[in-house]
Full PDB file with SEQRES, HELIX, SHEET, SSBOND, CRYST1, ORIGX, SCALE, CONECT and MASTER records, all heavy atoms in Angstrom:
SEQRES   1 A   34  CYS ALA ALA GLN ARG LEU PHE LEU PRO VAL ILE LEU LYS          
SEQRES   2 A   34  ASP VAL ASP SER LEU LEU TYR VAL ASP THR ASP VAL LEU          
SEQRES   3 A   34  PHE LEU ARG PRO VAL ASP ASP ILE                              
HELIX    1 AA1 ALA A    2  PHE A    7  5                                   6    
HELIX    2 AA2 LEU A    8  ILE A   11  1                                   4    
HELIX    3 AA3 VAL A   31  ASP A   33  5                                   3    
CRYST1    1.000    1.000    1.000  90.00  90.00  90.00 P 1           1          
ORIGX1      1.000000  0.000000  0.000000        0.00000                         
ORIGX2      0.000000  1.000000  0.000000        0.00000                         
ORIGX3      0.000000  0.000000  1.000000        0.00000                         
SCALE1      1.000000  0.000000  0.000000        0.00000                         
SCALE2      0.000000  1.000000  0.000000        0.00000                         
SCALE3      0.000000  0.000000  1.000000        0.00000                         
ATOM      1  N   CYS A   1     -23.801  17.150   5.131  1.00  0.00           N  
ATOM      2  CA  CYS A   1     -24.486  15.998   4.537  1.00  0.00           C  
ATOM      3  C   CYS A   1     -24.608  14.788   5.458  1.00  0.00           C  
ATOM      4  O   CYS A   1     -25.153  13.757   5.057  1.00  0.00           O  
ATOM      5  CB  CYS A   1     -23.802  15.541   3.246  1.00  0.00           C  
ATOM      6  SG  CYS A   1     -23.526  16.827   2.034  1.00  0.00           S  
ATOM      7  N   ALA A   2     -24.128  14.856   6.694  1.00  0.00           N  
ATOM      8  CA  ALA A   2     -24.125  13.686   7.579  1.00  0.00           C  
ATOM      9  C   ALA A   2     -25.528  13.124   7.788  1.00  0.00           C  
ATOM     10  O   ALA A   2     -25.703  11.909   7.932  1.00  0.00           O  
ATOM     11  CB  ALA A   2     -23.495  14.033   8.920  1.00  0.00           C  
ATOM     12  N   ALA A   3     -26.536  13.986   7.786  1.00  0.00           N  
ATOM     13  CA  ALA A   3     -27.906  13.536   8.024  1.00  0.00           C  
ATOM     14  C   ALA A   3     -28.432  12.656   6.904  1.00  0.00           C  
ATOM     15  O   ALA A   3     -29.478  12.015   7.059  1.00  0.00           O  
ATOM     16  CB  ALA A   3     -28.840  14.731   8.219  1.00  0.00           C  
ATOM     17  N   GLN A   4     -27.716  12.593   5.774  1.00  0.00           N  
ATOM     18  CA  GLN A   4     -28.148  11.729   4.677  1.00  0.00           C  
ATOM     19  C   GLN A   4     -28.321  10.286   5.133  1.00  0.00           C  
ATOM     20  O   GLN A   4     -29.183   9.556   4.641  1.00  0.00           O  
ATOM     21  CB  GLN A   4     -27.131  11.788   3.544  1.00  0.00           C  
ATOM     22  CG  GLN A   4     -27.478  10.955   2.327  1.00  0.00           C  
ATOM     23  CD  GLN A   4     -28.644  11.535   1.554  1.00  0.00           C  
ATOM     24  OE1 GLN A   4     -28.509  12.453   0.766  1.00  0.00           O  
ATOM     25  NE2 GLN A   4     -29.829  10.978   1.771  1.00  0.00           N  
ATOM     26  N   ARG A   5     -27.507   9.858   6.106  1.00  0.00           N  
ATOM     27  CA  ARG A   5     -27.573   8.466   6.559  1.00  0.00           C  
ATOM     28  C   ARG A   5     -28.945   8.115   7.127  1.00  0.00           C  
ATOM     29  O   ARG A   5     -29.348   6.954   7.108  1.00  0.00           O  
ATOM     30  CB  ARG A   5     -26.472   8.185   7.581  1.00  0.00           C  
ATOM     31  CG  ARG A   5     -26.748   8.664   8.976  1.00  0.00           C  
ATOM     32  CD  ARG A   5     -25.551   8.530   9.882  1.00  0.00           C  
ATOM     33  NE  ARG A   5     -24.619   9.641   9.711  1.00  0.00           N  
ATOM     34  CZ  ARG A   5     -23.451   9.747  10.351  1.00  0.00           C  
ATOM     35  NH1 ARG A   5     -23.059   8.800  11.163  1.00  0.00           N  
ATOM     36  NH2 ARG A   5     -22.673  10.784  10.165  1.00  0.00           N  
ATOM     37  N   LEU A   6     -29.656   9.096   7.650  1.00  0.00           N  
ATOM     38  CA  LEU A   6     -30.988   8.841   8.183  1.00  0.00           C  
ATOM     39  C   LEU A   6     -31.968   8.421   7.088  1.00  0.00           C  
ATOM     40  O   LEU A   6     -32.977   7.778   7.373  1.00  0.00           O  
ATOM     41  CB  LEU A   6     -31.524  10.085   8.881  1.00  0.00           C  
ATOM     42  CG  LEU A   6     -30.775  10.575  10.125  1.00  0.00           C  
ATOM     43  CD1 LEU A   6     -31.350  11.905  10.596  1.00  0.00           C  
ATOM     44  CD2 LEU A   6     -30.838   9.539  11.238  1.00  0.00           C  
ATOM     45  N   PHE A   7     -31.686   8.782   5.853  1.00  0.00           N  
ATOM     46  CA  PHE A   7     -32.623   8.558   4.763  1.00  0.00           C  
ATOM     47  C   PHE A   7     -32.269   7.350   3.896  1.00  0.00           C  
ATOM     48  O   PHE A   7     -32.938   7.092   2.898  1.00  0.00           O  
ATOM     49  CB  PHE A   7     -32.711   9.824   3.894  1.00  0.00           C  
ATOM     50  CG  PHE A   7     -33.313  10.994   4.607  1.00  0.00           C  
ATOM     51  CD1 PHE A   7     -32.531  11.811   5.411  1.00  0.00           C  
ATOM     52  CD2 PHE A   7     -34.676  11.262   4.515  1.00  0.00           C  
ATOM     53  CE1 PHE A   7     -33.085  12.886   6.099  1.00  0.00           C  
ATOM     54  CE2 PHE A   7     -35.233  12.329   5.200  1.00  0.00           C  
ATOM     55  CZ  PHE A   7     -34.444  13.145   5.989  1.00  0.00           C  
ATOM     56  N   LEU A   8     -31.255   6.600   4.276  1.00  0.00           N  
ATOM     57  CA  LEU A   8     -30.846   5.442   3.475  1.00  0.00           C  
ATOM     58  C   LEU A   8     -31.958   4.404   3.320  1.00  0.00           C  
ATOM     59  O   LEU A   8     -32.134   3.851   2.229  1.00  0.00           O  
ATOM     60  CB  LEU A   8     -29.593   4.811   4.075  1.00  0.00           C  
ATOM     61  CG  LEU A   8     -28.347   5.714   4.095  1.00  0.00           C  
ATOM     62  CD1 LEU A   8     -27.176   4.981   4.726  1.00  0.00           C  
ATOM     63  CD2 LEU A   8     -27.983   6.192   2.700  1.00  0.00           C  
ATOM     64  N   PRO A   9     -32.741   4.097   4.375  1.00  0.00           N  
ATOM     65  CA  PRO A   9     -33.828   3.122   4.178  1.00  0.00           C  
ATOM     66  C   PRO A   9     -34.862   3.588   3.152  1.00  0.00           C  
ATOM     67  O   PRO A   9     -35.491   2.762   2.486  1.00  0.00           O  
ATOM     68  CB  PRO A   9     -34.460   3.001   5.576  1.00  0.00           C  
ATOM     69  CG  PRO A   9     -33.378   3.442   6.517  1.00  0.00           C  
ATOM     70  CD  PRO A   9     -32.638   4.520   5.784  1.00  0.00           C  
ATOM     71  N   VAL A  10     -35.039   4.896   3.045  1.00  0.00           N  
ATOM     72  CA  VAL A  10     -36.035   5.460   2.131  1.00  0.00           C  
ATOM     73  C   VAL A  10     -35.522   5.455   0.699  1.00  0.00           C  
ATOM     74  O   VAL A  10     -36.260   5.156  -0.251  1.00  0.00           O  
ATOM     75  CB  VAL A  10     -36.389   6.901   2.557  1.00  0.00           C  
ATOM     76  CG1 VAL A  10     -37.413   7.503   1.610  1.00  0.00           C  
ATOM     77  CG2 VAL A  10     -36.886   6.929   3.989  1.00  0.00           C  
ATOM     78  N   ILE A  11     -34.245   5.765   0.517  1.00  0.00           N  
ATOM     79  CA  ILE A  11     -33.672   5.894  -0.824  1.00  0.00           C  
ATOM     80  C   ILE A  11     -33.343   4.535  -1.427  1.00  0.00           C  
ATOM     81  O   ILE A  11     -33.629   4.269  -2.600  1.00  0.00           O  
ATOM     82  CB  ILE A  11     -32.410   6.773  -0.774  1.00  0.00           C  
ATOM     83  CG1 ILE A  11     -32.763   8.182  -0.293  1.00  0.00           C  
ATOM     84  CG2 ILE A  11     -31.734   6.829  -2.147  1.00  0.00           C  
ATOM     85  CD1 ILE A  11     -31.563   9.045   0.033  1.00  0.00           C  
ATOM     86  N   LEU A  12     -32.737   3.657  -0.645  1.00  0.00           N  
ATOM     87  CA  LEU A  12     -32.279   2.358  -1.164  1.00  0.00           C  
ATOM     88  C   LEU A  12     -33.368   1.301  -0.995  1.00  0.00           C  
ATOM     89  O   LEU A  12     -33.216   0.317  -0.273  1.00  0.00           O  
ATOM     90  CB  LEU A  12     -30.990   1.942  -0.452  1.00  0.00           C  
ATOM     91  CG  LEU A  12     -29.818   2.924  -0.586  1.00  0.00           C  
ATOM     92  CD1 LEU A  12     -28.628   2.462   0.237  1.00  0.00           C  
ATOM     93  CD2 LEU A  12     -29.430   3.109  -2.047  1.00  0.00           C  
ATOM     94  N   LYS A  13     -34.463   1.511  -1.675  1.00  0.00           N  
ATOM     95  CA  LYS A  13     -35.643   0.662  -1.495  1.00  0.00           C  
ATOM     96  C   LYS A  13     -35.427  -0.768  -1.966  1.00  0.00           C  
ATOM     97  O   LYS A  13     -36.131  -1.685  -1.537  1.00  0.00           O  
ATOM     98  CB  LYS A  13     -36.841   1.280  -2.233  1.00  0.00           C  
ATOM     99  CG  LYS A  13     -37.303   2.607  -1.652  1.00  0.00           C  
ATOM    100  CD  LYS A  13     -38.529   3.112  -2.366  1.00  0.00           C  
ATOM    101  CE  LYS A  13     -38.986   4.467  -1.835  1.00  0.00           C  
ATOM    102  NZ  LYS A  13     -39.371   4.421  -0.420  1.00  0.00           N  
ATOM    103  N   ASP A  14     -34.466  -0.982  -2.860  1.00  0.00           N  
ATOM    104  CA  ASP A  14     -34.235  -2.328  -3.378  1.00  0.00           C  
ATOM    105  C   ASP A  14     -33.108  -3.049  -2.630  1.00  0.00           C  
ATOM    106  O   ASP A  14     -32.705  -4.140  -3.039  1.00  0.00           O  
ATOM    107  CB  ASP A  14     -33.904  -2.266  -4.870  1.00  0.00           C  
ATOM    108  CG  ASP A  14     -32.666  -1.425  -5.161  1.00  0.00           C  
ATOM    109  OD1 ASP A  14     -32.288  -0.603  -4.302  1.00  0.00           O  
ATOM    110  OD2 ASP A  14     -32.079  -1.572  -6.259  1.00  0.00           O  
ATOM    111  N   VAL A  15     -32.607  -2.449  -1.547  1.00  0.00           N  
ATOM    112  CA  VAL A  15     -31.537  -3.058  -0.761  1.00  0.00           C  
ATOM    113  C   VAL A  15     -32.130  -3.611   0.528  1.00  0.00           C  
ATOM    114  O   VAL A  15     -32.815  -2.891   1.257  1.00  0.00           O  
ATOM    115  CB  VAL A  15     -30.428  -2.035  -0.439  1.00  0.00           C  
ATOM    116  CG1 VAL A  15     -29.357  -2.654   0.461  1.00  0.00           C  
ATOM    117  CG2 VAL A  15     -29.805  -1.513  -1.732  1.00  0.00           C  
ATOM    118  N   ASP A  16     -31.853  -4.885   0.807  1.00  0.00           N  
ATOM    119  CA  ASP A  16     -32.401  -5.517   2.007  1.00  0.00           C  
ATOM    120  C   ASP A  16     -31.614  -5.135   3.253  1.00  0.00           C  
ATOM    121  O   ASP A  16     -32.187  -4.722   4.257  1.00  0.00           O  
ATOM    122  CB  ASP A  16     -32.400  -7.036   1.844  1.00  0.00           C  
ATOM    123  CG  ASP A  16     -32.839  -7.746   3.111  1.00  0.00           C  
ATOM    124  OD1 ASP A  16     -34.023  -7.619   3.477  1.00  0.00           O  
ATOM    125  OD2 ASP A  16     -31.996  -8.401   3.749  1.00  0.00           O  
ATOM    126  N   SER A  17     -30.288  -5.276   3.211  1.00  0.00           N  
ATOM    127  CA  SER A  17     -29.444  -4.976   4.370  1.00  0.00           C  
ATOM    128  C   SER A  17     -28.256  -4.138   3.929  1.00  0.00           C  
ATOM    129  O   SER A  17     -27.819  -4.213   2.773  1.00  0.00           O  
ATOM    130  CB  SER A  17     -28.963  -6.263   5.042  1.00  0.00           C  
ATOM    131  OG  SER A  17     -30.058  -6.990   5.558  1.00  0.00           O  
ATOM    132  N   LEU A  18     -27.699  -3.365   4.879  1.00  0.00           N  
ATOM    133  CA  LEU A  18     -26.699  -2.366   4.515  1.00  0.00           C  
ATOM    134  C   LEU A  18     -25.748  -2.128   5.676  1.00  0.00           C  
ATOM    135  O   LEU A  18     -26.154  -2.112   6.839  1.00  0.00           O  
ATOM    136  CB  LEU A  18     -27.403  -1.048   4.170  1.00  0.00           C  
ATOM    137  CG  LEU A  18     -26.530   0.116   3.698  1.00  0.00           C  
ATOM    138  CD1 LEU A  18     -26.065  -0.114   2.268  1.00  0.00           C  
ATOM    139  CD2 LEU A  18     -27.318   1.424   3.779  1.00  0.00           C  
ATOM    140  N   LEU A  19     -24.463  -1.944   5.336  1.00  0.00           N  
ATOM    141  CA  LEU A  19     -23.486  -1.472   6.302  1.00  0.00           C  
ATOM    142  C   LEU A  19     -23.140  -0.043   5.941  1.00  0.00           C  
ATOM    143  O   LEU A  19     -22.609   0.225   4.865  1.00  0.00           O  
ATOM    144  CB  LEU A  19     -22.222  -2.336   6.279  1.00  0.00           C  
ATOM    145  CG  LEU A  19     -21.072  -1.876   7.180  1.00  0.00           C  
ATOM    146  CD1 LEU A  19     -21.475  -1.929   8.647  1.00  0.00           C  
ATOM    147  CD2 LEU A  19     -19.814  -2.699   6.930  1.00  0.00           C  
ATOM    148  N   TYR A  20     -23.465   0.898   6.838  1.00  0.00           N  
ATOM    149  CA  TYR A  20     -23.072   2.295   6.648  1.00  0.00           C  
ATOM    150  C   TYR A  20     -21.809   2.554   7.456  1.00  0.00           C  
ATOM    151  O   TYR A  20     -21.705   2.132   8.620  1.00  0.00           O  
ATOM    152  CB  TYR A  20     -24.167   3.262   7.113  1.00  0.00           C  
ATOM    153  CG  TYR A  20     -23.613   4.673   7.227  1.00  0.00           C  
ATOM    154  CD1 TYR A  20     -23.582   5.513   6.118  1.00  0.00           C  
ATOM    155  CD2 TYR A  20     -23.061   5.123   8.427  1.00  0.00           C  
ATOM    156  CE1 TYR A  20     -23.016   6.776   6.210  1.00  0.00           C  
ATOM    157  CE2 TYR A  20     -22.498   6.383   8.512  1.00  0.00           C  
ATOM    158  CZ  TYR A  20     -22.470   7.199   7.412  1.00  0.00           C  
ATOM    159  OH  TYR A  20     -21.895   8.436   7.491  1.00  0.00           O  
ATOM    160  N   VAL A  21     -20.848   3.265   6.858  1.00  0.00           N  
ATOM    161  CA  VAL A  21     -19.647   3.656   7.592  1.00  0.00           C  
ATOM    162  C   VAL A  21     -19.299   5.101   7.283  1.00  0.00           C  
ATOM    163  O   VAL A  21     -19.520   5.585   6.172  1.00  0.00           O  
ATOM    164  CB  VAL A  21     -18.434   2.749   7.264  1.00  0.00           C  
ATOM    165  CG1 VAL A  21     -18.681   1.323   7.713  1.00  0.00           C  
ATOM    166  CG2 VAL A  21     -18.091   2.787   5.789  1.00  0.00           C  
ATOM    167  N   ASP A  22     -18.733   5.791   8.264  1.00  0.00           N  
ATOM    168  CA  ASP A  22     -18.205   7.135   8.049  1.00  0.00           C  
ATOM    169  C   ASP A  22     -16.960   7.076   7.169  1.00  0.00           C  
ATOM    170  O   ASP A  22     -16.311   6.034   7.043  1.00  0.00           O  
ATOM    171  CB  ASP A  22     -17.844   7.784   9.391  1.00  0.00           C  
ATOM    172  CG  ASP A  22     -19.048   8.390  10.100  1.00  0.00           C  
ATOM    173  OD1 ASP A  22     -20.120   8.495   9.478  1.00  0.00           O  
ATOM    174  OD2 ASP A  22     -18.902   8.748  11.290  1.00  0.00           O  
ATOM    175  N   THR A  23     -16.599   8.220   6.622  1.00  0.00           N  
ATOM    176  CA  THR A  23     -15.447   8.274   5.717  1.00  0.00           C  
ATOM    177  C   THR A  23     -14.126   7.989   6.412  1.00  0.00           C  
ATOM    178  O   THR A  23     -13.164   7.573   5.771  1.00  0.00           O  
ATOM    179  CB  THR A  23     -15.358   9.656   5.053  1.00  0.00           C  
ATOM    180  OG1 THR A  23     -15.208  10.663   6.072  1.00  0.00           O  
ATOM    181  CG2 THR A  23     -16.613   9.956   4.240  1.00  0.00           C  
ATOM    182  N   ASP A  24     -14.040   8.196   7.726  1.00  0.00           N  
ATOM    183  CA  ASP A  24     -12.763   8.040   8.429  1.00  0.00           C  
ATOM    184  C   ASP A  24     -12.569   6.640   9.018  1.00  0.00           C  
ATOM    185  O   ASP A  24     -11.657   6.421   9.806  1.00  0.00           O  
ATOM    186  CB  ASP A  24     -12.621   9.087   9.534  1.00  0.00           C  
ATOM    187  CG  ASP A  24     -13.720   9.009  10.584  1.00  0.00           C  
ATOM    188  OD1 ASP A  24     -14.662   8.207  10.415  1.00  0.00           O  
ATOM    189  OD2 ASP A  24     -13.647   9.755  11.576  1.00  0.00           O  
ATOM    190  N   VAL A  25     -13.412   5.695   8.630  1.00  0.00           N  
ATOM    191  CA  VAL A  25     -13.237   4.311   9.062  1.00  0.00           C  
ATOM    192  C   VAL A  25     -12.159   3.645   8.201  1.00  0.00           C  
ATOM    193  O   VAL A  25     -12.051   3.894   6.998  1.00  0.00           O  
ATOM    194  CB  VAL A  25     -14.562   3.527   8.944  1.00  0.00           C  
ATOM    195  CG1 VAL A  25     -14.346   2.036   9.072  1.00  0.00           C  
ATOM    196  CG2 VAL A  25     -15.540   4.011  10.007  1.00  0.00           C  
ATOM    197  N   LEU A  26     -11.342   2.795   8.814  1.00  0.00           N  
ATOM    198  CA  LEU A  26     -10.343   2.025   8.090  1.00  0.00           C  
ATOM    199  C   LEU A  26     -10.530   0.550   8.441  1.00  0.00           C  
ATOM    200  O   LEU A  26     -10.502   0.182   9.619  1.00  0.00           O  
ATOM    201  CB  LEU A  26      -8.935   2.477   8.483  1.00  0.00           C  
ATOM    202  CG  LEU A  26      -7.776   1.829   7.722  1.00  0.00           C  
ATOM    203  CD1 LEU A  26      -7.812   2.222   6.242  1.00  0.00           C  
ATOM    204  CD2 LEU A  26      -6.450   2.217   8.356  1.00  0.00           C  
ATOM    205  N   PHE A  27     -10.745  -0.291   7.436  1.00  0.00           N  
ATOM    206  CA  PHE A  27     -10.936  -1.720   7.672  1.00  0.00           C  
ATOM    207  C   PHE A  27      -9.585  -2.421   7.763  1.00  0.00           C  
ATOM    208  O   PHE A  27      -8.738  -2.274   6.876  1.00  0.00           O  
ATOM    209  CB  PHE A  27     -11.769  -2.340   6.549  1.00  0.00           C  
ATOM    210  CG  PHE A  27     -13.215  -1.922   6.573  1.00  0.00           C  
ATOM    211  CD1 PHE A  27     -13.664  -0.852   5.815  1.00  0.00           C  
ATOM    212  CD2 PHE A  27     -14.122  -2.601   7.367  1.00  0.00           C  
ATOM    213  CE1 PHE A  27     -14.992  -0.464   5.848  1.00  0.00           C  
ATOM    214  CE2 PHE A  27     -15.457  -2.224   7.405  1.00  0.00           C  
ATOM    215  CZ  PHE A  27     -15.889  -1.155   6.646  1.00  0.00           C  
ATOM    216  N   LEU A  28      -9.405  -3.189   8.824  1.00  0.00           N  
ATOM    217  CA  LEU A  28      -8.194  -3.965   9.024  1.00  0.00           C  
ATOM    218  C   LEU A  28      -8.478  -5.466   9.028  1.00  0.00           C  
ATOM    219  O   LEU A  28      -7.588  -6.261   9.331  1.00  0.00           O  
ATOM    220  CB  LEU A  28      -7.518  -3.562  10.338  1.00  0.00           C  
ATOM    221  CG  LEU A  28      -7.102  -2.092  10.444  1.00  0.00           C  
ATOM    222  CD1 LEU A  28      -6.477  -1.809  11.794  1.00  0.00           C  
ATOM    223  CD2 LEU A  28      -6.139  -1.715   9.325  1.00  0.00           C  
ATOM    224  N   ARG A  29      -9.696  -5.822   8.708  1.00  0.00           N  
ATOM    225  CA  ARG A  29     -10.116  -7.225   8.635  1.00  0.00           C  
ATOM    226  C   ARG A  29     -11.281  -7.288   7.649  1.00  0.00           C  
ATOM    227  O   ARG A  29     -11.834  -6.254   7.263  1.00  0.00           O  
ATOM    228  CB  ARG A  29     -10.531  -7.743  10.018  1.00  0.00           C  
ATOM    229  CG  ARG A  29     -11.635  -6.930  10.668  1.00  0.00           C  
ATOM    230  CD  ARG A  29     -11.776  -7.237  12.140  1.00  0.00           C  
ATOM    231  NE  ARG A  29     -12.314  -8.563  12.357  1.00  0.00           N  
ATOM    232  CZ  ARG A  29     -12.597  -9.043  13.569  1.00  0.00           C  
ATOM    233  NH1 ARG A  29     -12.357  -8.304  14.646  1.00  0.00           N  
ATOM    234  NH2 ARG A  29     -13.103 -10.256  13.714  1.00  0.00           N  
ATOM    235  N   PRO A  30     -11.686  -8.475   7.215  1.00  0.00           N  
ATOM    236  CA  PRO A  30     -12.738  -8.564   6.202  1.00  0.00           C  
ATOM    237  C   PRO A  30     -14.054  -7.906   6.639  1.00  0.00           C  
ATOM    238  O   PRO A  30     -14.482  -8.060   7.791  1.00  0.00           O  
ATOM    239  CB  PRO A  30     -12.915 -10.071   6.015  1.00  0.00           C  
ATOM    240  CG  PRO A  30     -11.611 -10.657   6.410  1.00  0.00           C  
ATOM    241  CD  PRO A  30     -11.122  -9.801   7.537  1.00  0.00           C  
ATOM    242  N   VAL A  31     -14.673  -7.202   5.701  1.00  0.00           N  
ATOM    243  CA  VAL A  31     -15.994  -6.632   5.961  1.00  0.00           C  
ATOM    244  C   VAL A  31     -16.988  -7.747   6.277  1.00  0.00           C  
ATOM    245  O   VAL A  31     -17.961  -7.533   7.010  1.00  0.00           O  
ATOM    246  CB  VAL A  31     -16.485  -5.823   4.738  1.00  0.00           C  
ATOM    247  CG1 VAL A  31     -17.776  -5.080   5.060  1.00  0.00           C  
ATOM    248  CG2 VAL A  31     -15.422  -4.862   4.256  1.00  0.00           C  
ATOM    249  N   ASP A  32     -16.720  -8.927   5.753  1.00  0.00           N  
ATOM    250  CA  ASP A  32     -17.581 -10.084   5.996  1.00  0.00           C  
ATOM    251  C   ASP A  32     -17.793 -10.330   7.495  1.00  0.00           C  
ATOM    252  O   ASP A  32     -18.860 -10.809   7.904  1.00  0.00           O  
ATOM    253  CB  ASP A  32     -16.974 -11.339   5.379  1.00  0.00           C  
ATOM    254  CG  ASP A  32     -16.477 -11.113   3.968  1.00  0.00           C  
ATOM    255  OD1 ASP A  32     -15.618 -10.240   3.772  1.00  0.00           O  
ATOM    256  OD2 ASP A  32     -16.944 -11.823   3.067  1.00  0.00           O  
ATOM    257  N   ASP A  33     -16.780 -10.020   8.312  1.00  0.00           N  
ATOM    258  CA  ASP A  33     -16.877 -10.291   9.746  1.00  0.00           C  
ATOM    259  C   ASP A  33     -17.986  -9.488  10.408  1.00  0.00           C  
ATOM    260  O   ASP A  33     -18.639  -9.950  11.344  1.00  0.00           O  
ATOM    261  CB  ASP A  33     -15.539  -9.982  10.436  1.00  0.00           C  
ATOM    262  CG  ASP A  33     -14.460 -10.988  10.079  1.00  0.00           C  
ATOM    263  OD1 ASP A  33     -14.789 -12.008   9.444  1.00  0.00           O  
ATOM    264  OD2 ASP A  33     -13.285 -10.753  10.411  1.00  0.00           O  
ATOM    265  N   ILE A  34     -18.185  -8.271   9.951  1.00  0.00           N  
ATOM    266  CA  ILE A  34     -19.246  -7.445  10.519  1.00  0.00           C  
ATOM    267  C   ILE A  34     -20.582  -7.766   9.838  1.00  0.00           C  
ATOM    268  O   ILE A  34     -21.637  -7.735  10.465  1.00  0.00           O  
ATOM    269  CB  ILE A  34     -18.882  -5.952  10.402  1.00  0.00           C  
ATOM    270  CG1 ILE A  34     -19.444  -5.164  11.579  1.00  0.00           C  
ATOM    271  CG2 ILE A  34     -19.340  -5.318   9.136  1.00  0.00           C  
ATOM    272  CD1 ILE A  34     -18.921  -3.734  11.638  1.00  0.00           C  
TER     273      ILE A  34                                                      
MASTER        0    0    0    3    0    0    0    6  272    1    0    3          
END                                                                             
């Protein structure tokens, strides 16, 4: 299913901006920073 990320602009038509992350990412600081 990794290729699903290629289709996010097409599917999420009502979303202006987006942060995509893989499942193995771990946040150690606010998401706001990115």
